[in-house]
C-alpha atoms as a PDB file:
ATOM      1  CA  MET A   1       0.268   0.066   0.043  1.00  0.00           C
ATOM      2  CA  ASN A   2       1.148   3.490  -0.748  1.00  0.00           C
ATOM      3  CA  LEU A   3      -0.200   7.093  -0.332  1.00  0.00           C
ATOM      4  CA  ILE A   4       0.628   8.999  -3.360  1.00  0.00           C
ATOM      5  CA  SER A   5      -2.430  10.678  -4.535  1.00  0.00           C
ATOM      6  CA  ILE A   6      -5.210  11.554  -1.598  1.00  0.00           C
ATOM      7  CA  ALA A   7      -7.855   9.802  -4.054  1.00  0.00           C
ATOM      8  CA  ASP A   8      -5.483   6.285  -3.380  1.00  0.00           C
ATOM      9  CA  LEU A   9      -8.070   6.494  -0.102  1.00  0.00           C
ATOM     10  CA  THR A  10     -11.477   5.873   0.092  1.00  0.00           C
ATOM     11  CA  SER A  11     -13.554   8.442   2.373  1.00  0.00           C
ATOM     12  CA  THR A  12     -13.574   5.270   5.225  1.00  0.00           C
ATOM     13  CA  GLN A  13      -9.465   5.316   5.308  1.00  0.00           C
ATOM     14  CA  ILE A  14      -9.466   9.179   5.418  1.00  0.00           C
ATOM     15  CA  ILE A  15     -12.068   8.641   8.569  1.00  0.00           C
ATOM     16  CA  HIS A  16      -9.919   6.459   9.796  1.00  0.00           C
ATOM     17  CA  LEU A  17      -6.734   8.381   9.668  1.00  0.00           C
ATOM     18  CA  LEU A  18      -8.153  11.491  11.142  1.00  0.00           C
ATOM     19  CA  ASP A  19      -9.546   9.447  14.063  1.00  0.00           C
ATOM     20  CA  ARG A  20      -6.409   8.055  14.431  1.00  0.00           C
ATOM     21  CA  ALA A  21      -4.772  11.262  14.406  1.00  0.00           C
ATOM     22  CA  ASP A  22      -7.022  12.588  17.107  1.00  0.00           C
ATOM     23  CA  SER A  23      -6.084  10.279  18.978  1.00  0.00           C
ATOM     24  CA  TRP A  24      -1.995  10.738  18.767  1.00  0.00           C
ATOM     25  CA  LYS A  25      -2.595  14.549  19.126  1.00  0.00           C
ATOM     26  CA  LYS A  26      -4.407  13.920  22.763  1.00  0.00           C
ATOM     27  CA  GLU A  27      -1.778  11.427  24.141  1.00  0.00           C
ATOM     28  CA  ARG A  28       1.490  13.721  23.104  1.00  0.00           C
ATOM     29  CA  SER A  29      -0.895  16.362  25.153  1.00  0.00           C
ATOM     30  CA  ALA A  30      -0.853  13.947  27.562  1.00  0.00           C
ATOM     31  CA  ASN A  31       2.812  12.843  27.198  1.00  0.00           C
ATOM     32  CA  LYS A  32       1.789   9.086  26.579  1.00  0.00           C
ATOM     33  CA  PHE A  33       4.088   7.883  23.716  1.00  0.00           C
ATOM     34  CA  ALA A  34       4.052   4.689  22.043  1.00  0.00           C
ATOM     35  CA  GLY A  35       6.037   1.970  20.111  1.00  0.00           C
ATOM     36  CA  PRO A  36       4.358   0.955  16.837  1.00  0.00           C
ATOM     37  CA  LEU A  37       7.301   1.809  15.159  1.00  0.00           C
ATOM     38  CA  ALA A  38       9.609   0.179  17.268  1.00  0.00           C
ATOM     39  CA  GLY A  39      12.489  -0.993  15.185  1.00  0.00           C
ATOM     40  CA  LYS A  40      11.640   0.376  11.933  1.00  0.00           C
ATOM     41  CA  SER A  41      13.504   3.091   9.659  1.00  0.00           C
ATOM     42  CA  LEU A  42      12.227   5.598   7.708  1.00  0.00           C
ATOM     43  CA  ALA A  43      13.903   6.822   4.654  1.00  0.00           C
ATOM     44  CA  MET A  44      12.869  10.631   3.817  1.00  0.00           C
ATOM     45  CA  ILE A  45      13.758  11.531  -0.069  1.00  0.00           C
ATOM     46  CA  PHE A  46      13.734  15.412  -0.131  1.00  0.00           C
ATOM     47  CA  GLU A  47      14.866  17.169  -3.883  1.00  0.00           C
ATOM     48  CA  LYS A  48      13.096  20.743  -2.471  1.00  0.00           C
ATOM     49  CA  PRO A  49      13.813  21.909   1.246  1.00  0.00           C
ATOM     50  CA  SER A  50      11.069  22.135   3.478  1.00  0.00           C
ATOM     51  CA  THR A  51      10.023  23.021   7.368  1.00  0.00           C
ATOM     52  CA  ARG A  52       6.745  21.579   8.385  1.00  0.00           C
ATOM     53  CA  THR A  53       7.070  18.130   6.032  1.00  0.00           C
ATOM     54  CA  ARG A  54      10.754  17.183   7.455  1.00  0.00           C
ATOM     55  CA  VAL A  55       9.988  18.363  11.076  1.00  0.00           C
ATOM     56  CA  SER A  56       6.603  16.841  11.021  1.00  0.00           C
ATOM     57  CA  LEU A  57       7.769  13.620   9.347  1.00  0.00           C
ATOM     58  CA  GLU A  58      11.015  13.091  11.928  1.00  0.00           C
ATOM     59  CA  THR A  59       9.263  14.111  14.947  1.00  0.00           C
ATOM     60  CA  ALA A  60       6.510  11.546  14.564  1.00  0.00           C
ATOM     61  CA  THR A  61       8.677   8.441  13.259  1.00  0.00           C
ATOM     62  CA  VAL A  62      10.638   9.309  16.303  1.00  0.00           C
ATOM     63  CA  GLU A  63       7.748   9.403  18.817  1.00  0.00           C
ATOM     64  CA  LEU A  64       6.247   6.218  17.437  1.00  0.00           C
ATOM     65  CA  GLY A  65       9.749   4.780  18.583  1.00  0.00           C
ATOM     66  CA  GLY A  66      11.104   4.832  14.839  1.00  0.00           C
ATOM     67  CA  HIS A  67      14.014   6.432  13.028  1.00  0.00           C
ATOM     68  CA  ALA A  68      13.800   8.586  10.205  1.00  0.00           C
ATOM     69  CA  LEU A  69      16.658   8.965   8.230  1.00  0.00           C
ATOM     70  CA  TYR A  70      16.879  12.574   6.303  1.00  0.00           C
ATOM     71  CA  LEU A  71      18.429  11.848   2.316  1.00  0.00           C
ATOM     72  CA  SER A  72      18.501  15.109   0.667  1.00  0.00           C
ATOM     73  CA  SER A  73      19.051  15.034  -3.388  1.00  0.00           C
ATOM     74  CA  GLY A  74      22.854  15.908  -2.846  1.00  0.00           C
ATOM     75  CA  GLU A  75      23.303  12.547  -0.543  1.00  0.00           C
ATOM     76  CA  LEU A  76      22.071   9.992  -2.723  1.00  0.00           C
ATOM     77  CA  GLN A  77      23.203   8.519  -5.701  1.00  0.00           C
ATOM     78  CA  LEU A  78      20.161   9.533  -7.371  1.00  0.00           C
ATOM     79  CA  GLY A  79      22.547  12.697  -7.964  1.00  0.00           C
ATOM     80  CA  ARG A  80      25.152  10.884  -9.769  1.00  0.00           C
ATOM     81  CA  GLY A  81      22.924   9.531 -12.467  1.00  0.00           C
ATOM     82  CA  GLU A  82      21.637   6.426 -10.075  1.00  0.00           C
ATOM     83  CA  THR A  83      17.810   5.396 -12.059  1.00  0.00           C
ATOM     84  CA  VAL A  84      14.968   6.120  -9.702  1.00  0.00           C
ATOM     85  CA  ALA A  85      14.519   2.421 -10.144  1.00  0.00           C
ATOM     86  CA  ASP A  86      17.997   1.333  -8.188  1.00  0.00           C
ATOM     87  CA  THR A  87      17.213   3.218  -5.584  1.00  0.00           C
ATOM     88  CA  ALA A  88      13.679   2.351  -4.618  1.00  0.00           C
ATOM     89  CA  ARG A  89      15.204  -1.142  -4.741  1.00  0.00           C
ATOM     90  CA  VAL A  90      17.773  -0.808  -2.721  1.00  0.00           C
ATOM     91  CA  LEU A  91      16.219   1.403  -0.068  1.00  0.00           C
ATOM     92  CA  SER A  92      13.960  -1.123   0.011  1.00  0.00           C
ATOM     93  CA  ARG A  93      16.357  -3.421   1.645  1.00  0.00           C
ATOM     94  CA  TYR A  94      17.072  -1.323   4.620  1.00  0.00           C
ATOM     95  CA  VAL A  95      14.300   0.549   5.165  1.00  0.00           C
ATOM     96  CA  HIS A  96      10.287  -0.050   6.099  1.00  0.00           C
ATOM     97  CA  GLY A  97       9.336   2.646   4.303  1.00  0.00           C
ATOM     98  CA  ILE A  98      10.319   5.199   2.360  1.00  0.00           C
ATOM     99  CA  THR A  99       8.997   9.371   1.943  1.00  0.00           C
ATOM    100  CA  ALA A 100       9.590  11.350  -0.884  1.00  0.00           C
ATOM    101  CA  ARG A 101       9.399  15.071  -1.638  1.00  0.00           C
ATOM    102  CA  VAL A 102       9.646  15.762  -5.616  1.00  0.00           C
ATOM    103  CA  TYR A 103      10.202  17.846  -8.152  1.00  0.00           C
ATOM    104  CA  ASP A 104       8.418  15.444 -10.388  1.00  0.00           C
ATOM    105  CA  HIS A 105       5.112  13.313  -9.603  1.00  0.00           C
ATOM    106  CA  ARG A 106       6.900  10.690 -11.951  1.00  0.00           C
ATOM    107  CA  THR A 107       9.216  10.213  -9.649  1.00  0.00           C
ATOM    108  CA  VAL A 108       7.345   9.464  -6.466  1.00  0.00           C
ATOM    109  CA  GLU A 109       5.247   7.206  -9.024  1.00  0.00           C
ATOM    110  CA  ALA A 110       8.531   5.310  -9.723  1.00  0.00           C
ATOM    111  CA  LEU A 111       9.728   4.780  -6.587  1.00  0.00           C
ATOM    112  CA  ALA A 112       6.120   3.308  -5.860  1.00  0.00           C
ATOM    113  CA  GLN A 113       6.464   0.975  -9.025  1.00  0.00           C
ATOM    114  CA  HIS A 114       9.775  -0.072  -7.681  1.00  0.00           C
ATOM    115  CA  ALA A 115      10.063  -0.857  -4.097  1.00  0.00           C
ATOM    116  CA  SER A 116       9.023  -3.248  -1.944  1.00  0.00           C
ATOM    117  CA  VAL A 117       7.687  -1.427   0.695  1.00  0.00           C
ATOM    118  CA  PRO A 118       5.564   1.819   1.118  1.00  0.00           C
ATOM    119  CA  VAL A 119       6.146   4.765  -0.594  1.00  0.00           C
ATOM    120  CA  VAL A 120       4.208   8.130   0.728  1.00  0.00           C
ATOM    121  CA  ASN A 121       4.159  10.973  -1.292  1.00  0.00           C
ATOM    122  CA  ALA A 122       5.596  14.151   0.657  1.00  0.00           C
ATOM    123  CA  LEU A 123       4.818  15.991  -1.984  1.00  0.00           C
ATOM    124  CA  SER A 124       5.287  16.502  -5.694  1.00  0.00           C
ATOM    125  CA  ASN A 125       4.387  19.129  -8.391  1.00  0.00           C
ATOM    126  CA  ARG A 126       0.879  17.121  -8.843  1.00  0.00           C
ATOM    127  CA  GLU A 127      -0.366  16.271  -5.502  1.00  0.00           C
ATOM    128  CA  HIS A 128       0.309  16.722  -1.760  1.00  0.00           C
ATOM    129  CA  PRO A 129      -1.477  14.297   0.083  1.00  0.00           C
ATOM    130  CA  CYS A 130      -0.101  15.081   3.538  1.00  0.00           C
ATOM    131  CA  GLN A 131      -0.957  18.385   3.699  1.00  0.00           C
ATOM    132  CA  ILE A 132      -4.431  17.745   2.604  1.00  0.00           C
ATOM    133  CA  LEU A 133      -5.256  14.733   5.567  1.00  0.00           C
ATOM    134  CA  ALA A 134      -3.912  17.753   7.881  1.00  0.00           C
ATOM    135  CA  ASP A 135      -6.299  20.547   6.196  1.00  0.00           C
ATOM    136  CA  LEU A 136      -8.985  17.954   6.595  1.00  0.00           C
ATOM    137  CA  MET A 137      -7.972  17.178   9.953  1.00  0.00           C
ATOM    138  CA  THR A 138      -7.801  20.854  11.133  1.00  0.00           C
ATOM    139  CA  ILE A 139     -11.525  21.365   9.652  1.00  0.00           C
ATOM    140  CA  ARG A 140     -12.975  18.345  11.229  1.00  0.00           C
ATOM    141  CA  GLU A 141     -11.733  20.078  14.538  1.00  0.00           C
ATOM    142  CA  ARG A 142     -13.439  23.208  14.133  1.00  0.00           C
ATOM    143  CA  PHE A 143     -16.835  21.842  12.522  1.00  0.00           C
ATOM    144  CA  GLY A 144     -17.569  19.010  13.902  1.00  0.00           C
ATOM    145  CA  ARG A 145     -17.688  17.947   9.991  1.00  0.00           C
ATOM    146  CA  LEU A 146     -16.949  17.746   6.592  1.00  0.00           C
ATOM    147  CA  ASP A 147     -20.021  16.609   4.616  1.00  0.00           C
ATOM    148  CA  GLY A 148     -21.921  19.621   3.765  1.00  0.00           C
ATOM    149  CA  LEU A 149     -18.834  22.343   3.838  1.00  0.00           C
ATOM    150  CA  LYS A 150     -18.390  24.279   0.753  1.00  0.00           C
ATOM    151  CA  VAL A 151     -14.666  25.470   0.750  1.00  0.00           C
ATOM    152  CA  GLY A 152     -13.452  28.230  -1.309  1.00  0.00           C
ATOM    153  CA  TRP A 153      -9.698  28.109  -2.708  1.00  0.00           C
ATOM    154  CA  ILE A 154      -8.174  31.788  -3.916  1.00  0.00           C
ATOM    155  CA  GLY A 155      -4.574  31.641  -5.957  1.00  0.00           C
ATOM    156  CA  ASP A 156      -3.382  29.371  -7.916  1.00  0.00           C
ATOM    157  CA  GLY A 157      -4.646  25.911  -9.068  1.00  0.00           C
ATOM    158  CA  ASN A 158      -1.212  24.349  -7.489  1.00  0.00           C
ATOM    159  CA  ASN A 159      -0.846  20.569  -6.423  1.00  0.00           C
ATOM    160  CA  VAL A 160      -2.382  21.476  -3.017  1.00  0.00           C
ATOM    161  CA  CYS A 161      -5.312  22.537  -4.974  1.00  0.00           C
ATOM    162  CA  ASN A 162      -5.604  19.290  -7.109  1.00  0.00           C
ATOM    163  CA  SER A 163      -5.226  17.213  -3.639  1.00  0.00           C
ATOM    164  CA  LEU A 164      -7.915  19.269  -1.839  1.00  0.00           C
ATOM    165  CA  ILE A 165     -10.437  19.209  -5.416  1.00  0.00           C
ATOM    166  CA  LEU A 166     -10.474  15.383  -4.649  1.00  0.00           C
ATOM    167  CA  ALA A 167     -10.359  15.255  -0.976  1.00  0.00           C
ATOM    168  CA  SER A 168     -13.760  17.569  -0.761  1.00  0.00           C
ATOM    169  CA  ALA A 169     -15.299  14.978  -3.392  1.00  0.00           C
ATOM    170  CA  LEU A 170     -14.641  12.204  -1.391  1.00  0.00           C
ATOM    171  CA  MET A 171     -15.526  13.825   1.646  1.00  0.00           C
ATOM    172  CA  GLY A 172     -18.846  15.581   0.618  1.00  0.00           C
ATOM    173  CA  MET A 173     -17.430  19.183   0.367  1.00  0.00           C
ATOM    174  CA  ASP A 174     -18.070  21.249  -2.000  1.00  0.00           C
ATOM    175  CA  ILE A 175     -15.334  23.237  -3.588  1.00  0.00           C
ATOM    176  CA  SER A 176     -15.247  26.026  -5.804  1.00  0.00           C
ATOM    177  CA  VAL A 177     -11.732  27.423  -6.955  1.00  0.00           C
ATOM    178  CA  ALA A 178     -10.913  30.805  -8.059  1.00  0.00           C
ATOM    179  CA  THR A 179      -8.221  31.308 -10.377  1.00  0.00           C
ATOM    180  CA  PRO A 180      -6.760  33.716 -13.266  1.00  0.00           C
ATOM    181  CA  SER A 181      -6.923  32.508 -16.308  1.00  0.00           C
ATOM    182  CA  GLY A 182      -4.108  29.911 -17.343  1.00  0.00           C
ATOM    183  CA  TYR A 183      -3.476  28.836 -13.559  1.00  0.00           C
ATOM    184  CA  ALA A 184      -6.642  26.212 -13.483  1.00  0.00           C
ATOM    185  CA  PRO A 185      -5.574  23.279 -11.376  1.00  0.00           C
ATOM    186  CA  ALA A 186      -5.064  19.747 -13.747  1.00  0.00           C
ATOM    187  CA  ALA A 187      -7.824  19.353 -15.871  1.00  0.00           C
ATOM    188  CA  ASP A 188      -7.901  15.666 -15.147  1.00  0.00           C
ATOM    189  CA  ILE A 189      -7.630  15.956 -11.229  1.00  0.00           C
ATOM    190  CA  VAL A 190     -11.711  18.056 -11.632  1.00  0.00           C
ATOM    191  CA  GLU A 191     -12.582  15.139 -14.190  1.00  0.00           C
ATOM    192  CA  ARG A 192     -12.022  12.734 -11.602  1.00  0.00           C
ATOM    193  CA  ALA A 193     -13.284  14.469  -9.098  1.00  0.00           C
ATOM    194  CA  LYS A 194     -16.784  14.938 -10.769  1.00  0.00           C
ATOM    195  CA  THR A 195     -16.743  11.256 -10.838  1.00  0.00           C
ATOM    196  CA  ILE A 196     -16.878  10.985  -7.342  1.00  0.00           C
ATOM    197  CA  GLY A 197     -18.989  14.154  -6.759  1.00  0.00           C
ATOM    198  CA  ASP A 198     -20.552  17.119  -8.008  1.00  0.00           C
ATOM    199  CA  GLY A 199     -19.255  20.002  -5.813  1.00  0.00           C
ATOM    200  CA  CYS A 200     -16.323  21.085  -7.478  1.00  0.00           C
ATOM    201  CA  SER A 201     -16.686  24.652  -9.711  1.00  0.00           C
ATOM    202  CA  LEU A 202     -13.986  26.521 -11.268  1.00  0.00           C
ATOM    203  CA  VAL A 203     -14.242  30.691 -11.597  1.00  0.00           C
ATOM    204  CA  GLU A 204     -12.335  33.652 -12.110  1.00  0.00           C
ATOM    205  CA  ASP A 205     -13.857  35.847  -8.931  1.00  0.00           C
ATOM    206  CA  PRO A 206     -11.858  35.442  -5.946  1.00  0.00           C
ATOM    207  CA  ASN A 207     -15.474  36.638  -4.536  1.00  0.00           C
ATOM    208  CA  ASP A 208     -17.486  34.123  -6.354  1.00  0.00           C
ATOM    209  CA  ALA A 209     -15.429  30.870  -4.244  1.00  0.00           C
ATOM    210  CA  ALA A 210     -15.584  33.087  -1.090  1.00  0.00           C
ATOM    211  CA  ARG A 211     -19.072  34.018  -1.155  1.00  0.00           C
ATOM    212  CA  GLY A 212     -20.963  31.463   1.880  1.00  0.00           C
ATOM    213  CA  ALA A 213     -17.484  29.313   2.264  1.00  0.00           C
ATOM    214  CA  HIS A 214     -17.019  27.588   5.645  1.00  0.00           C
ATOM    215  CA  VAL A 215     -13.059  27.532   4.552  1.00  0.00           C
ATOM    216  CA  LEU A 216     -11.096  29.801   2.743  1.00  0.00           C
ATOM    217  CA  VAL A 217      -7.823  28.614   1.632  1.00  0.00           C
ATOM    218  CA  THR A 218      -4.879  29.664  -0.267  1.00  0.00           C
ATOM    219  CA  ASP A 219      -1.193  29.295  -1.049  1.00  0.00           C
ATOM    220  CA  THR A 220       1.962  30.534  -2.402  1.00  0.00           C
ATOM    221  CA  TRP A 221       1.523  32.006  -5.748  1.00  0.00           C
ATOM    222  CA  VAL A 222       5.311  31.411  -6.454  1.00  0.00           C
ATOM    223  CA  SER A 223       6.078  28.063  -5.381  1.00  0.00           C
ATOM    224  CA  MET A 224       9.278  26.364  -5.520  1.00  0.00           C
ATOM    225  CA  GLY A 225      10.084  26.366  -9.259  1.00  0.00           C
ATOM    226  CA  ASP A 226       8.371  29.425 -10.005  1.00  0.00           C
ATOM    227  CA  GLU A 227      10.897  32.045  -9.421  1.00  0.00           C
ATOM    228  CA  GLY A 228      11.252  32.590 -12.927  1.00  0.00           C
ATOM    229  CA  GLU A 229       7.858  33.436 -13.075  1.00  0.00           C
ATOM    230  CA  GLU A 230       7.806  35.562 -10.410  1.00  0.00           C
ATOM    231  CA  ALA A 231       7.101  38.881 -11.800  1.00  0.00           C
ATOM    232  CA  GLU A 232       4.415  37.855 -14.178  1.00  0.00           C
ATOM    233  CA  ARG A 233       2.625  35.963 -11.751  1.00  0.00           C
ATOM    234  CA  LEU A 234       2.974  38.669  -8.743  1.00  0.00           C
ATOM    235  CA  ARG A 235       1.030  40.678 -11.969  1.00  0.00           C
ATOM    236  CA  VAL A 236      -1.804  37.953 -12.632  1.00  0.00           C
ATOM    237  CA  PHE A 237      -2.638  37.035  -9.185  1.00  0.00           C
ATOM    238  CA  GLY A 238      -2.798  40.531  -7.859  1.00  0.00           C
ATOM    239  CA  ARG A 239      -6.648  40.596  -6.599  1.00  0.00           C
ATOM    240  CA  TYR A 240      -6.204  36.571  -5.811  1.00  0.00           C
ATOM    241  CA  GLN A 241      -5.134  37.957  -1.772  1.00  0.00           C
ATOM    242  CA  ILE A 242      -7.291  36.663   0.887  1.00  0.00           C
ATOM    243  CA  ASN A 243      -7.499  39.569   3.115  1.00  0.00           C
ATOM    244  CA  ARG A 244     -10.712  41.296   5.331  1.00  0.00           C
ATOM    245  CA  GLU A 245     -12.563  42.641   2.316  1.00  0.00           C
ATOM    246  CA  LEU A 246     -13.174  38.664   0.887  1.00  0.00           C
ATOM    247  CA  LEU A 247     -13.059  37.274   4.627  1.00  0.00           C
ATOM    248  CA  GLU A 248     -16.062  39.245   5.361  1.00  0.00           C
ATOM    249  CA  GLY A 249     -18.234  37.242   1.729  1.00  0.00           C
ATOM    250  CA  ALA A 250     -17.358  33.973   3.685  1.00  0.00           C
ATOM    251  CA  SER A 251     -19.992  32.243   6.105  1.00  0.00           C
ATOM    252  CA  THR A 252     -19.816  34.040   9.309  1.00  0.00           C
ATOM    253  CA  ASP A 253     -17.784  30.979  11.071  1.00  0.00           C
ATOM    254  CA  ALA A 254     -15.502  30.794   7.917  1.00  0.00           C
ATOM    255  CA  ILE A 255     -11.801  29.500   9.296  1.00  0.00           C
ATOM    256  CA  VAL A 256      -8.888  30.304   6.808  1.00  0.00           C
ATOM    257  CA  MET A 257      -5.842  28.179   6.047  1.00  0.00           C
ATOM    258  CA  HIS A 258      -2.552  28.561   4.650  1.00  0.00           C
ATOM    259  CA  CYS A 259      -0.048  25.418   4.175  1.00  0.00           C
ATOM    260  CA  LEU A 260       3.113  27.987   4.513  1.00  0.00           C
ATOM    261  CA  PRO A 261       5.286  29.188   4.251  1.00  0.00           C
ATOM    262  CA  ALA A 262       3.520  31.915   3.293  1.00  0.00           C
ATOM    263  CA  HIS A 263       4.432  35.303   1.986  1.00  0.00           C
ATOM    264  CA  ARG A 264       2.505  37.915   3.607  1.00  0.00           C
ATOM    265  CA  GLY A 265       1.348  40.929   2.065  1.00  0.00           C
ATOM    266  CA  GLN A 266       0.877  38.938  -0.982  1.00  0.00           C
ATOM    267  CA  GLU A 267      -1.518  35.536  -0.978  1.00  0.00           C
ATOM    268  CA  ILE A 268      -2.646  36.783   2.501  1.00  0.00           C
ATOM    269  CA  THR A 269      -2.675  39.598   4.992  1.00  0.00           C
ATOM    270  CA  ASP A 270      -0.924  40.041   8.232  1.00  0.00           C
ATOM    271  CA  GLU A 271      -4.610  40.713   9.610  1.00  0.00           C
ATOM    272  CA  VAL A 272      -6.198  37.809   8.211  1.00  0.00           C
ATOM    273  CA  MET A 273      -3.086  35.183   9.437  1.00  0.00           C
ATOM    274  CA  ASP A 274      -2.625  36.570  12.580  1.00  0.00           C
ATOM    275  CA  GLY A 275      -6.832  37.035  13.239  1.00  0.00           C
ATOM    276  CA  PRO A 276      -9.446  35.331  15.135  1.00  0.00           C
ATOM    277  CA  GLN A 277     -10.668  33.170  12.107  1.00  0.00           C
ATOM    278  CA  SER A 278      -6.949  32.010  11.255  1.00  0.00           C
ATOM    279  CA  ALA A 279      -6.646  28.194  11.349  1.00  0.00           C
ATOM    280  CA  VAL A 280      -3.236  28.267   9.708  1.00  0.00           C
ATOM    281  CA  PHE A 281      -0.941  27.077  12.971  1.00  0.00           C
ATOM    282  CA  ASP A 282      -3.188  24.382  14.091  1.00  0.00           C
ATOM    283  CA  GLU A 283      -3.250  23.196  10.498  1.00  0.00           C
ATOM    284  CA  ALA A 284       0.730  23.567  10.510  1.00  0.00           C
ATOM    285  CA  GLU A 285       0.244  21.221  14.499  1.00  0.00           C
ATOM    286  CA  ASN A 286      -1.695  18.842  12.550  1.00  0.00           C
ATOM    287  CA  ARG A 287       0.851  18.012   9.919  1.00  0.00           C
ATOM    288  CA  MET A 288       2.705  15.834  12.685  1.00  0.00           C
ATOM    289  CA  HIS A 289      -0.036  14.067  13.938  1.00  0.00           C
ATOM    290  CA  THR A 290      -1.436  12.755  10.671  1.00  0.00           C
ATOM    291  CA  SER A 291       1.776  12.294   9.668  1.00  0.00           C
ATOM    292  CA  LYS A 292       1.882   9.401  12.729  1.00  0.00           C
ATOM    293  CA  ALA A 293      -1.814   8.187  11.779  1.00  0.00           C
ATOM    294  CA  ILE A 294      -0.019   7.333   7.874  1.00  0.00           C
ATOM    295  CA  LEU A 295       3.125   6.119   9.352  1.00  0.00           C
ATOM    296  CA  GLU A 296       1.078   4.064  11.752  1.00  0.00           C
ATOM    297  CA  TRP A 297      -0.955   2.692   9.118  1.00  0.00           C
ATOM    298  CA  LEU A 298       1.578   2.141   6.698  1.00  0.00           C
ATOM    299  CA  ILE A 299       4.099   0.401   8.410  1.00  0.00           C
ATOM    300  CA  ALA A 300       3.270  -0.910  11.596  1.00  0.00           C
ATOM    301  CA  PRO A 301       2.533  -4.609  12.058  1.00  0.00           C
ATOM    302  CA  ARG A 302      -0.645  -5.067  11.330  1.00  0.00           C
ATOM    303  CA  ARG A 303      -2.928  -6.516  14.609  1.00  0.00           C
ATOM    304  CA  ASP A 304      -5.798  -7.784  12.469  1.00  0.00           C
END
């Protein structure tokens, strides 16, 4: 079993992972640490730098009793021409699971194809399922449910947006995605979501996506790898900012989310990010608890 796309999970499996994440969060606050990964090792491949992904996965592994190995692209023979397939086969002889934060989605797919241990997509240019599980946990904490909620995505139709579209369809949430022309989410992702549910709409006006939304979500306008387009992106995305005016059009109990890092004053204002409706830092914390649930589910010995 691997976790490459959020759509690799069923709604029942997502609920199971969220329930386990809730349990791990409660146990951590009570300083009760279990060891379901005792004697297990996790290889963490990082082509792209990270704060939340690295710290959450490494801390989660250690607190579950396992050992995490941080492997940057410069520390692997991948950087000197070894194939992804050979790397997957060799690592499978050493470790019990592999996570990969990569530029190209095909890399994590190849790892999953050739590894004999579970592989987790810790971010690719197509999806970010680990982030979305933390987002779902955060939303459920705030509203007590997922089904029937309205989500408004404001900004770039990127990897996080793709995964959120699929998760919304799986969990019965309606999502409206506001992006400039030419920056819409992947068309096949949208079509796949529509085969699961009919609650996905694409718009250009951010006010349309925000209207009545329970959850407003954004991400950076310039992701890693897009730096060459920065000037054009800043021009195009200028009106796709979550600010007080946009938030006023959402539901009165709306929350605001951002997977971080944030470029304050661009995609989100300080006033909103630090305001009472922000769930940004709860969302960041929940990356660790959902990481525990994922690793326990994929790597820990089965008890059934």
